[in-house]
PDB file of all heavy atoms in Angstrom:
ATOM      1  N   VAL A   1     -98.591 107.841 -10.469  1.00  0.00           N
ATOM      2  CA  VAL A   1     -97.788 108.945  -9.935  1.00  0.00           C
ATOM      3  C   VAL A   1     -96.511 109.122 -10.742  1.00  0.00           C
ATOM      4  O   VAL A   1     -95.950 110.228 -10.806  1.00  0.00           O
ATOM      5  CB  VAL A   1     -97.504 108.718  -8.436  1.00  0.00           C
ATOM      6  CG1 VAL A   1     -96.517 107.578  -8.220  1.00  0.00           C
ATOM      7  CG2 VAL A   1     -96.977 109.982  -7.781  1.00  0.00           C
ATOM      8  N   ALA A   2     -96.065 108.061 -11.424  1.00  0.00           N
ATOM      9  CA  ALA A   2     -94.884 108.179 -12.285  1.00  0.00           C
ATOM     10  C   ALA A   2     -95.132 109.140 -13.429  1.00  0.00           C
ATOM     11  O   ALA A   2     -94.184 109.686 -14.004  1.00  0.00           O
ATOM     12  CB  ALA A   2     -94.502 106.809 -12.837  1.00  0.00           C
ATOM     13  N   GLY A   3     -96.403 109.357 -13.780  1.00  0.00           N
ATOM     14  CA  GLY A   3     -96.729 110.249 -14.880  1.00  0.00           C
ATOM     15  C   GLY A   3     -97.255 111.596 -14.436  1.00  0.00           C
ATOM     16  O   GLY A   3     -97.706 112.388 -15.267  1.00  0.00           O
ATOM     17  N   VAL A   4     -97.201 111.880 -13.131  1.00  0.00           N
ATOM     18  CA  VAL A   4     -97.724 113.151 -12.633  1.00  0.00           C
ATOM     19  C   VAL A   4     -96.811 114.305 -13.036  1.00  0.00           C
ATOM     20  O   VAL A   4     -97.258 115.399 -13.346  1.00  0.00           O
ATOM     21  CB  VAL A   4     -97.906 113.097 -11.103  1.00  0.00           C
ATOM     22  CG1 VAL A   4     -98.154 114.483 -10.530  1.00  0.00           C
ATOM     23  CG2 VAL A   4     -99.072 112.177 -10.752  1.00  0.00           C
ATOM     24  N   GLY A   5     -95.521 114.068 -13.053  1.00  0.00           N
ATOM     25  CA  GLY A   5     -94.571 115.077 -13.510  1.00  0.00           C
ATOM     26  C   GLY A   5     -94.620 116.331 -12.667  1.00  0.00           C
ATOM     27  O   GLY A   5     -94.524 116.280 -11.431  1.00  0.00           O
ATOM     28  N   SER A   6     -94.799 117.474 -13.327  1.00  0.00           N
ATOM     29  CA  SER A   6     -94.738 118.765 -12.636  1.00  0.00           C
ATOM     30  C   SER A   6     -96.061 119.152 -11.979  1.00  0.00           C
ATOM     31  O   SER A   6     -96.150 120.210 -11.355  1.00  0.00           O
ATOM     32  CB  SER A   6     -94.320 119.864 -13.625  1.00  0.00           C
ATOM     33  OG  SER A   6     -95.265 119.965 -14.679  1.00  0.00           O
ATOM     34  N   ALA A   7     -97.076 118.318 -12.131  1.00  0.00           N
ATOM     35  CA  ALA A   7     -98.371 118.631 -11.512  1.00  0.00           C
ATOM     36  C   ALA A   7     -98.231 118.626  -9.991  1.00  0.00           C
ATOM     37  O   ALA A   7     -97.373 117.959  -9.416  1.00  0.00           O
ATOM     38  CB  ALA A   7     -99.425 117.629 -11.944  1.00  0.00           C
ATOM     39  N   ARG A   8     -99.109 119.370  -9.338  1.00  0.00           N
ATOM     40  CA  ARG A   8     -99.052 119.469  -7.878  1.00  0.00           C
ATOM     41  C   ARG A   8     -99.405 118.141  -7.220  1.00  0.00           C
ATOM     42  O   ARG A   8    -100.309 117.446  -7.668  1.00  0.00           O
ATOM     43  CB  ARG A   8    -100.025 120.544  -7.407  1.00  0.00           C
ATOM     44  CG  ARG A   8     -99.554 121.964  -7.699  1.00  0.00           C
ATOM     45  CD  ARG A   8    -100.603 122.968  -7.252  1.00  0.00           C
ATOM     46  NE  ARG A   8    -101.656 123.113  -8.250  1.00  0.00           N
ATOM     47  CZ  ARG A   8    -102.785 123.771  -8.034  1.00  0.00           C
ATOM     48  NH1 ARG A   8    -103.034 124.282  -6.841  1.00  0.00           N
ATOM     49  NH2 ARG A   8    -103.684 123.890  -8.981  1.00  0.00           N
ATOM     50  N   ARG A   9     -98.727 117.813  -6.146  1.00  0.00           N
ATOM     51  CA  ARG A   9     -99.018 116.584  -5.392  1.00  0.00           C
ATOM     52  C   ARG A   9    -100.195 116.789  -4.444  1.00  0.00           C
ATOM     53  O   ARG A   9    -100.842 115.823  -4.060  1.00  0.00           O
ATOM     54  CB  ARG A   9     -97.781 116.123  -4.631  1.00  0.00           C
ATOM     55  CG  ARG A   9     -96.635 115.683  -5.540  1.00  0.00           C
ATOM     56  CD  ARG A   9     -95.452 115.208  -4.725  1.00  0.00           C
ATOM     57  NE  ARG A   9     -95.765 114.021  -3.961  1.00  0.00           N
ATOM     58  CZ  ARG A   9     -95.665 112.763  -4.415  1.00  0.00           C
ATOM     59  NH1 ARG A   9     -95.254 112.551  -5.658  1.00  0.00           N
ATOM     60  NH2 ARG A   9     -95.960 111.738  -3.644  1.00  0.00           N
ATOM     61  N   GLN A  10    -100.438 118.002  -4.049  1.00  0.00           N
ATOM     62  CA  GLN A  10    -101.651 118.337  -3.293  1.00  0.00           C
ATOM     63  C   GLN A  10    -102.461 119.290  -4.159  1.00  0.00           C
ATOM     64  O   GLN A  10    -101.955 120.311  -4.632  1.00  0.00           O
ATOM     65  CB  GLN A  10    -101.329 119.015  -1.955  1.00  0.00           C
ATOM     66  CG  GLN A  10    -100.769 118.083  -0.893  1.00  0.00           C
ATOM     67  CD  GLN A  10     -99.290 117.800  -1.076  1.00  0.00           C
ATOM     68  OE1 GLN A  10     -98.543 118.657  -1.538  1.00  0.00           O
ATOM     69  NE2 GLN A  10     -98.857 116.598  -0.711  1.00  0.00           N
ATOM     70  N   PHE A  11    -103.702 118.938  -4.377  1.00  0.00           N
ATOM     71  CA  PHE A  11    -104.538 119.719  -5.294  1.00  0.00           C
ATOM     72  C   PHE A  11    -105.932 119.790  -4.706  1.00  0.00           C
ATOM     73  O   PHE A  11    -106.517 118.763  -4.356  1.00  0.00           O
ATOM     74  CB  PHE A  11    -104.580 119.039  -6.666  1.00  0.00           C
ATOM     75  CG  PHE A  11    -105.064 119.911  -7.788  1.00  0.00           C
ATOM     76  CD1 PHE A  11    -104.178 120.403  -8.731  1.00  0.00           C
ATOM     77  CD2 PHE A  11    -106.416 120.238  -7.910  1.00  0.00           C
ATOM     78  CE1 PHE A  11    -104.610 121.201  -9.781  1.00  0.00           C
ATOM     79  CE2 PHE A  11    -106.857 121.047  -8.944  1.00  0.00           C
ATOM     80  CZ  PHE A  11    -105.949 121.527  -9.892  1.00  0.00           C
ATOM     81  N   SER A  12    -106.450 120.981  -4.614  1.00  0.00           N
ATOM     82  CA  SER A  12    -107.812 121.163  -4.120  1.00  0.00           C
ATOM     83  C   SER A  12    -108.474 122.239  -4.968  1.00  0.00           C
ATOM     84  O   SER A  12    -107.898 123.307  -5.204  1.00  0.00           O
ATOM     85  CB  SER A  12    -107.799 121.594  -2.650  1.00  0.00           C
ATOM     86  OG  SER A  12    -109.113 121.702  -2.144  1.00  0.00           O
ATOM     87  N   GLY A  13    -109.674 121.928  -5.466  1.00  0.00           N
ATOM     88  CA  GLY A  13    -110.350 122.900  -6.311  1.00  0.00           C
ATOM     89  C   GLY A  13    -111.798 122.545  -6.541  1.00  0.00           C
ATOM     90  O   GLY A  13    -112.261 121.458  -6.172  1.00  0.00           O
ATOM     91  N   PRO A  14    -112.522 123.464  -7.171  1.00  0.00           N
ATOM     92  CA  PRO A  14    -113.945 123.236  -7.433  1.00  0.00           C
ATOM     93  C   PRO A  14    -114.147 122.220  -8.554  1.00  0.00           C
ATOM     94  O   PRO A  14    -113.417 122.218  -9.557  1.00  0.00           O
ATOM     95  CB  PRO A  14    -114.454 124.613  -7.859  1.00  0.00           C
ATOM     96  CG  PRO A  14    -113.245 125.294  -8.433  1.00  0.00           C
ATOM     97  CD  PRO A  14    -112.084 124.796  -7.636  1.00  0.00           C
ATOM     98  N   ALA A  15    -115.134 121.380  -8.373  1.00  0.00           N
ATOM     99  CA  ALA A  15    -115.435 120.345  -9.366  1.00  0.00           C
ATOM    100  C   ALA A  15    -116.221 120.932 -10.535  1.00  0.00           C
ATOM    101  O   ALA A  15    -117.076 121.805 -10.356  1.00  0.00           O
ATOM    102  CB  ALA A  15    -116.244 119.224  -8.719  1.00  0.00           C
ATOM    103  N   LYS A  16    -115.900 120.442 -11.725  1.00  0.00           N
ATOM    104  CA  LYS A  16    -116.755 120.637 -12.898  1.00  0.00           C
ATOM    105  C   LYS A  16    -117.099 119.233 -13.381  1.00  0.00           C
ATOM    106  O   LYS A  16    -116.211 118.447 -13.724  1.00  0.00           O
ATOM    107  CB  LYS A  16    -116.038 121.440 -13.988  1.00  0.00           C
ATOM    108  CG  LYS A  16    -115.972 122.930 -13.683  1.00  0.00           C
ATOM    109  CD  LYS A  16    -115.442 123.727 -14.862  1.00  0.00           C
ATOM    110  CE  LYS A  16    -116.422 123.792 -16.020  1.00  0.00           C
ATOM    111  NZ  LYS A  16    -117.589 124.646 -15.726  1.00  0.00           N
ATOM    112  N   VAL A  17    -118.389 118.914 -13.369  1.00  0.00           N
ATOM    113  CA  VAL A  17    -118.852 117.546 -13.568  1.00  0.00           C
ATOM    114  C   VAL A  17    -119.369 117.368 -14.992  1.00  0.00           C
ATOM    115  O   VAL A  17    -120.174 118.174 -15.486  1.00  0.00           O
ATOM    116  CB  VAL A  17    -119.957 117.188 -12.556  1.00  0.00           C
ATOM    117  CG1 VAL A  17    -120.396 115.737 -12.737  1.00  0.00           C
ATOM    118  CG2 VAL A  17    -119.457 117.420 -11.128  1.00  0.00           C
ATOM    119  N   PHE A  18    -118.906 116.286 -15.639  1.00  0.00           N
ATOM    120  CA  PHE A  18    -119.347 115.958 -16.995  1.00  0.00           C
ATOM    121  C   PHE A  18    -119.740 114.483 -17.047  1.00  0.00           C
ATOM    122  O   PHE A  18    -119.161 113.648 -16.346  1.00  0.00           O
ATOM    123  CB  PHE A  18    -118.240 116.220 -18.008  1.00  0.00           C
ATOM    124  CG  PHE A  18    -117.800 117.660 -18.087  1.00  0.00           C
ATOM    125  CD1 PHE A  18    -116.709 118.106 -17.356  1.00  0.00           C
ATOM    126  CD2 PHE A  18    -118.490 118.559 -18.878  1.00  0.00           C
ATOM    127  CE1 PHE A  18    -116.300 119.428 -17.427  1.00  0.00           C
ATOM    128  CE2 PHE A  18    -118.086 119.895 -18.968  1.00  0.00           C
ATOM    129  CZ  PHE A  18    -116.991 120.324 -18.229  1.00  0.00           C
ATOM    130  N   GLY A  19    -120.707 114.199 -17.909  1.00  0.00           N
ATOM    131  CA  GLY A  19    -121.150 112.818 -18.090  1.00  0.00           C
ATOM    132  C   GLY A  19    -120.490 112.130 -19.259  1.00  0.00           C
ATOM    133  O   GLY A  19    -120.848 111.005 -19.601  1.00  0.00           O
ATOM    134  N   GLY A  20    -119.496 112.774 -19.876  1.00  0.00           N
ATOM    135  CA  GLY A  20    -118.783 112.175 -20.988  1.00  0.00           C
ATOM    136  C   GLY A  20    -117.668 113.085 -21.448  1.00  0.00           C
ATOM    137  O   GLY A  20    -117.677 114.297 -21.182  1.00  0.00           O
ATOM    138  N   GLU A  21    -116.698 112.523 -22.168  1.00  0.00           N
ATOM    139  CA  GLU A  21    -115.534 113.317 -22.539  1.00  0.00           C
ATOM    140  C   GLU A  21    -115.831 114.285 -23.679  1.00  0.00           C
ATOM    141  O   GLU A  21    -115.150 115.310 -23.816  1.00  0.00           O
ATOM    142  CB  GLU A  21    -114.347 112.428 -22.875  1.00  0.00           C
ATOM    143  CG  GLU A  21    -114.485 111.589 -24.113  1.00  0.00           C
ATOM    144  CD  GLU A  21    -113.171 110.903 -24.482  1.00  0.00           C
ATOM    145  OE1 GLU A  21    -112.203 110.989 -23.711  1.00  0.00           O
ATOM    146  OE2 GLU A  21    -113.128 110.277 -25.555  1.00  0.00           O
ATOM    147  N   ASP A  22    -116.818 114.006 -24.519  1.00  0.00           N
ATOM    148  CA  ASP A  22    -117.114 114.917 -25.625  1.00  0.00           C
ATOM    149  C   ASP A  22    -117.514 116.293 -25.108  1.00  0.00           C
ATOM    150  O   ASP A  22    -117.049 117.331 -25.608  1.00  0.00           O
ATOM    151  CB  ASP A  22    -118.228 114.352 -26.516  1.00  0.00           C
ATOM    152  CG  ASP A  22    -117.748 113.212 -27.398  1.00  0.00           C
ATOM    153  OD1 ASP A  22    -116.521 112.965 -27.423  1.00  0.00           O
ATOM    154  OD2 ASP A  22    -118.589 112.560 -28.042  1.00  0.00           O
ATOM    155  N   GLU A  23    -118.395 116.311 -24.116  1.00  0.00           N
ATOM    156  CA  GLU A  23    -118.814 117.604 -23.585  1.00  0.00           C
ATOM    157  C   GLU A  23    -117.677 118.282 -22.835  1.00  0.00           C
ATOM    158  O   GLU A  23    -117.550 119.508 -22.840  1.00  0.00           O
ATOM    159  CB  GLU A  23    -120.052 117.462 -22.699  1.00  0.00           C
ATOM    160  CG  GLU A  23    -119.900 116.532 -21.512  1.00  0.00           C
ATOM    161  CD  GLU A  23    -121.210 116.324 -20.757  1.00  0.00           C
ATOM    162  OE1 GLU A  23    -121.542 117.176 -19.916  1.00  0.00           O
ATOM    163  OE2 GLU A  23    -121.885 115.310 -21.016  1.00  0.00           O
ATOM    164  N   ALA A  24    -116.797 117.475 -22.210  1.00  0.00           N
ATOM    165  CA  ALA A  24    -115.638 118.057 -21.522  1.00  0.00           C
ATOM    166  C   ALA A  24    -114.654 118.651 -22.528  1.00  0.00           C
ATOM    167  O   ALA A  24    -114.089 119.728 -22.299  1.00  0.00           O
ATOM    168  CB  ALA A  24    -114.958 117.000 -20.664  1.00  0.00           C
ATOM    169  N   ILE A  25    -114.425 117.961 -23.649  1.00  0.00           N
ATOM    170  CA  ILE A  25    -113.525 118.487 -24.690  1.00  0.00           C
ATOM    171  C   ILE A  25    -114.113 119.751 -25.301  1.00  0.00           C
ATOM    172  O   ILE A  25    -113.389 120.720 -25.587  1.00  0.00           O
ATOM    173  CB  ILE A  25    -113.256 117.404 -25.758  1.00  0.00           C
ATOM    174  CG1 ILE A  25    -112.393 116.280 -25.167  1.00  0.00           C
ATOM    175  CG2 ILE A  25    -112.565 118.005 -26.981  1.00  0.00           C
ATOM    176  CD1 ILE A  25    -112.201 115.082 -26.087  1.00  0.00           C
ATOM    177  N   ALA A  26    -115.432 119.776 -25.482  1.00  0.00           N
ATOM    178  CA  ALA A  26    -116.078 120.988 -26.000  1.00  0.00           C
ATOM    179  C   ALA A  26    -115.896 122.148 -25.029  1.00  0.00           C
ATOM    180  O   ALA A  26    -115.616 123.290 -25.447  1.00  0.00           O
ATOM    181  CB  ALA A  26    -117.561 120.720 -26.248  1.00  0.00           C
ATOM    182  N   ALA A  27    -116.038 121.872 -23.738  1.00  0.00           N
ATOM    183  CA  ALA A  27    -115.847 122.916 -22.725  1.00  0.00           C
ATOM    184  C   ALA A  27    -114.401 123.414 -22.723  1.00  0.00           C
ATOM    185  O   ALA A  27    -114.145 124.609 -22.529  1.00  0.00           O
ATOM    186  CB  ALA A  27    -116.231 122.379 -21.343  1.00  0.00           C
ATOM    187  N   LEU A  28    -113.468 122.491 -22.965  1.00  0.00           N
ATOM    188  CA  LEU A  28    -112.058 122.870 -23.052  1.00  0.00           C
ATOM    189  C   LEU A  28    -111.848 123.828 -24.223  1.00  0.00           C
ATOM    190  O   LEU A  28    -111.175 124.860 -24.089  1.00  0.00           O
ATOM    191  CB  LEU A  28    -111.203 121.602 -23.226  1.00  0.00           C
ATOM    192  CG  LEU A  28    -109.692 121.789 -23.389  1.00  0.00           C
ATOM    193  CD1 LEU A  28    -109.081 122.348 -22.111  1.00  0.00           C
ATOM    194  CD2 LEU A  28    -109.036 120.445 -23.741  1.00  0.00           C
ATOM    195  N   GLY A  29    -112.427 123.485 -25.374  1.00  0.00           N
ATOM    196  CA  GLY A  29    -112.291 124.342 -26.548  1.00  0.00           C
ATOM    197  C   GLY A  29    -112.943 125.703 -26.367  1.00  0.00           C
ATOM    198  O   GLY A  29    -112.490 126.703 -26.934  1.00  0.00           O
ATOM    199  N   ASP A  30    -114.003 125.762 -25.544  1.00  0.00           N
ATOM    200  CA  ASP A  30    -114.713 127.023 -25.303  1.00  0.00           C
ATOM    201  C   ASP A  30    -114.099 127.850 -24.177  1.00  0.00           C
ATOM    202  O   ASP A  30    -114.630 128.909 -23.816  1.00  0.00           O
ATOM    203  CB  ASP A  30    -116.183 126.741 -24.965  1.00  0.00           C
ATOM    204  CG  ASP A  30    -116.958 126.197 -26.161  1.00  0.00           C
ATOM    205  OD1 ASP A  30    -116.488 126.375 -27.304  1.00  0.00           O
ATOM    206  OD2 ASP A  30    -118.018 125.564 -25.949  1.00  0.00           O
ATOM    207  N   GLY A  31    -113.002 127.348 -23.588  1.00  0.00           N
ATOM    208  CA  GLY A  31    -112.331 128.089 -22.526  1.00  0.00           C
ATOM    209  C   GLY A  31    -113.010 128.018 -21.176  1.00  0.00           C
ATOM    210  O   GLY A  31    -112.727 128.832 -20.286  1.00  0.00           O
ATOM    211  N   GLU A  32    -113.913 127.022 -20.997  1.00  0.00           N
ATOM    212  CA  GLU A  32    -114.648 126.926 -19.735  1.00  0.00           C
ATOM    213  C   GLU A  32    -113.887 126.162 -18.661  1.00  0.00           C
ATOM    214  O   GLU A  32    -114.294 126.143 -17.500  1.00  0.00           O
ATOM    215  CB  GLU A  32    -115.995 126.233 -19.986  1.00  0.00           C
ATOM    216  CG  GLU A  32    -116.915 127.011 -20.916  1.00  0.00           C
ATOM    217  CD  GLU A  32    -118.173 126.235 -21.258  1.00  0.00           C
ATOM    218  OE1 GLU A  32    -118.447 125.215 -20.589  1.00  0.00           O
ATOM    219  OE2 GLU A  32    -118.875 126.633 -22.218  1.00  0.00           O
ATOM    220  N   ILE A  33    -112.805 125.502 -19.047  1.00  0.00           N
ATOM    221  CA  ILE A  33    -111.981 124.775 -18.085  1.00  0.00           C
ATOM    222  C   ILE A  33    -110.743 125.611 -17.805  1.00  0.00           C
ATOM    223  O   ILE A  33    -109.995 125.972 -18.724  1.00  0.00           O
ATOM    224  CB  ILE A  33    -111.618 123.381 -18.625  1.00  0.00           C
ATOM    225  CG1 ILE A  33    -112.886 122.528 -18.724  1.00  0.00           C
ATOM    226  CG2 ILE A  33    -110.575 122.706 -17.747  1.00  0.00           C
ATOM    227  CD1 ILE A  33    -112.676 121.167 -19.353  1.00  0.00           C
ATOM    228  N   GLU A  34    -110.546 125.931 -16.534  1.00  0.00           N
ATOM    229  CA  GLU A  34    -109.490 126.859 -16.141  1.00  0.00           C
ATOM    230  C   GLU A  34    -108.547 126.203 -15.138  1.00  0.00           C
ATOM    231  O   GLU A  34    -108.910 125.217 -14.476  1.00  0.00           O
ATOM    232  CB  GLU A  34    -110.114 128.108 -15.514  1.00  0.00           C
ATOM    233  CG  GLU A  34    -111.069 128.851 -16.426  1.00  0.00           C
ATOM    234  CD  GLU A  34    -111.767 130.001 -15.721  1.00  0.00           C
ATOM    235  OE1 GLU A  34    -111.584 130.120 -14.477  1.00  0.00           O
ATOM    236  OE2 GLU A  34    -112.482 130.767 -16.392  1.00  0.00           O
ATOM    237  N   PRO A  35    -107.338 126.733 -15.009  1.00  0.00           N
ATOM    238  CA  PRO A  35    -106.419 126.226 -13.985  1.00  0.00           C
ATOM    239  C   PRO A  35    -107.080 126.209 -12.607  1.00  0.00           C
ATOM    240  O   PRO A  35    -107.789 127.154 -12.237  1.00  0.00           O
ATOM    241  CB  PRO A  35    -105.254 127.233 -14.034  1.00  0.00           C
ATOM    242  CG  PRO A  35    -105.258 127.739 -15.446  1.00  0.00           C
ATOM    243  CD  PRO A  35    -106.722 127.809 -15.823  1.00  0.00           C
ATOM    244  N   GLY A  36    -106.875 125.139 -11.880  1.00  0.00           N
ATOM    245  CA  GLY A  36    -107.466 125.001 -10.546  1.00  0.00           C
ATOM    246  C   GLY A  36    -108.712 124.155 -10.506  1.00  0.00           C
ATOM    247  O   GLY A  36    -109.141 123.725  -9.422  1.00  0.00           O
ATOM    248  N   HIS A  37    -109.327 123.875 -11.669  1.00  0.00           N
ATOM    249  CA  HIS A  37    -110.526 123.038 -11.697  1.00  0.00           C
ATOM    250  C   HIS A  37    -110.177 121.568 -11.482  1.00  0.00           C
ATOM    251  O   HIS A  37    -109.093 121.105 -11.860  1.00  0.00           O
ATOM    252  CB  HIS A  37    -111.252 123.157 -13.041  1.00  0.00           C
ATOM    253  CG  HIS A  37    -112.089 124.390 -13.163  1.00  0.00           C
ATOM    254  ND1 HIS A  37    -112.295 125.061 -14.360  1.00  0.00           N
ATOM    255  CD2 HIS A  37    -112.796 125.093 -12.232  1.00  0.00           C
ATOM    256  CE1 HIS A  37    -113.085 126.104 -14.149  1.00  0.00           C
ATOM    257  NE2 HIS A  37    -113.399 126.138 -12.882  1.00  0.00           N
ATOM    258  N   VAL A  38    -111.107 120.844 -10.883  1.00  0.00           N
ATOM    259  CA  VAL A  38    -111.050 119.382 -10.821  1.00  0.00           C
ATOM    260  C   VAL A  38    -112.172 118.867 -11.717  1.00  0.00           C
ATOM    261  O   VAL A  38    -113.356 119.054 -11.420  1.00  0.00           O
ATOM    262  CB  VAL A  38    -111.224 118.846  -9.386  1.00  0.00           C
ATOM    263  CG1 VAL A  38    -111.209 117.320  -9.396  1.00  0.00           C
ATOM    264  CG2 VAL A  38    -110.134 119.388  -8.474  1.00  0.00           C
ATOM    265  N   ILE A  39    -111.786 118.243 -12.820  1.00  0.00           N
ATOM    266  CA  ILE A  39    -112.768 117.755 -13.783  1.00  0.00           C
ATOM    267  C   ILE A  39    -113.211 116.353 -13.378  1.00  0.00           C
ATOM    268  O   ILE A  39    -112.375 115.450 -13.233  1.00  0.00           O
ATOM    269  CB  ILE A  39    -112.178 117.731 -15.199  1.00  0.00           C
ATOM    270  CG1 ILE A  39    -111.590 119.096 -15.555  1.00  0.00           C
ATOM    271  CG2 ILE A  39    -113.234 117.303 -16.207  1.00  0.00           C
ATOM    272  CD1 ILE A  39    -112.553 120.253 -15.435  1.00  0.00           C
ATOM    273  N   VAL A  40    -114.504 116.187 -13.174  1.00  0.00           N
ATOM    274  CA  VAL A  40    -115.080 114.900 -12.786  1.00  0.00           C
ATOM    275  C   VAL A  40    -115.816 114.317 -13.986  1.00  0.00           C
ATOM    276  O   VAL A  40    -116.784 114.905 -14.470  1.00  0.00           O
ATOM    277  CB  VAL A  40    -116.027 115.051 -11.579  1.00  0.00           C
ATOM    278  CG1 VAL A  40    -116.696 113.709 -11.258  1.00  0.00           C
ATOM    279  CG2 VAL A  40    -115.262 115.567 -10.361  1.00  0.00           C
ATOM    280  N   LEU A  41    -115.339 113.180 -14.476  1.00  0.00           N
ATOM    281  CA  LEU A  41    -115.990 112.442 -15.567  1.00  0.00           C
ATOM    282  C   LEU A  41    -116.545 111.162 -14.956  1.00  0.00           C
ATOM    283  O   LEU A  41    -115.783 110.304 -14.520  1.00  0.00           O
ATOM    284  CB  LEU A  41    -114.991 112.119 -16.674  1.00  0.00           C
ATOM    285  CG  LEU A  41    -114.315 113.319 -17.350  1.00  0.00           C
ATOM    286  CD1 LEU A  41    -113.208 112.853 -18.264  1.00  0.00           C
ATOM    287  CD2 LEU A  41    -115.332 114.127 -18.123  1.00  0.00           C
ATOM    288  N   ARG A  42    -117.864 111.025 -14.931  1.00  0.00           N
ATOM    289  CA  ARG A  42    -118.451 109.930 -14.153  1.00  0.00           C
ATOM    290  C   ARG A  42    -119.578 109.234 -14.897  1.00  0.00           C
ATOM    291  O   ARG A  42    -120.031 109.684 -15.943  1.00  0.00           O
ATOM    292  CB  ARG A  42    -118.965 110.464 -12.824  1.00  0.00           C
ATOM    293  CG  ARG A  42    -120.182 111.360 -12.995  1.00  0.00           C
ATOM    294  CD  ARG A  42    -120.710 111.855 -11.685  1.00  0.00           C
ATOM    295  NE  ARG A  42    -121.909 112.675 -11.884  1.00  0.00           N
ATOM    296  CZ  ARG A  42    -122.414 113.491 -10.975  1.00  0.00           C
ATOM    297  NH1 ARG A  42    -121.823 113.616  -9.802  1.00  0.00           N
ATOM    298  NH2 ARG A  42    -123.509 114.185 -11.233  1.00  0.00           N
TER     299      ARG A  42
END
């Protein structure tokens, strides 16, 4: 929480699920990750 900074303390949003960070970084570069998303890396 010391590193949360200006991020919201209460956050609720739709999940976007990835099985690894490479595909998540690719989605970021393609503009598929938008404000309000909760990114699940599992």
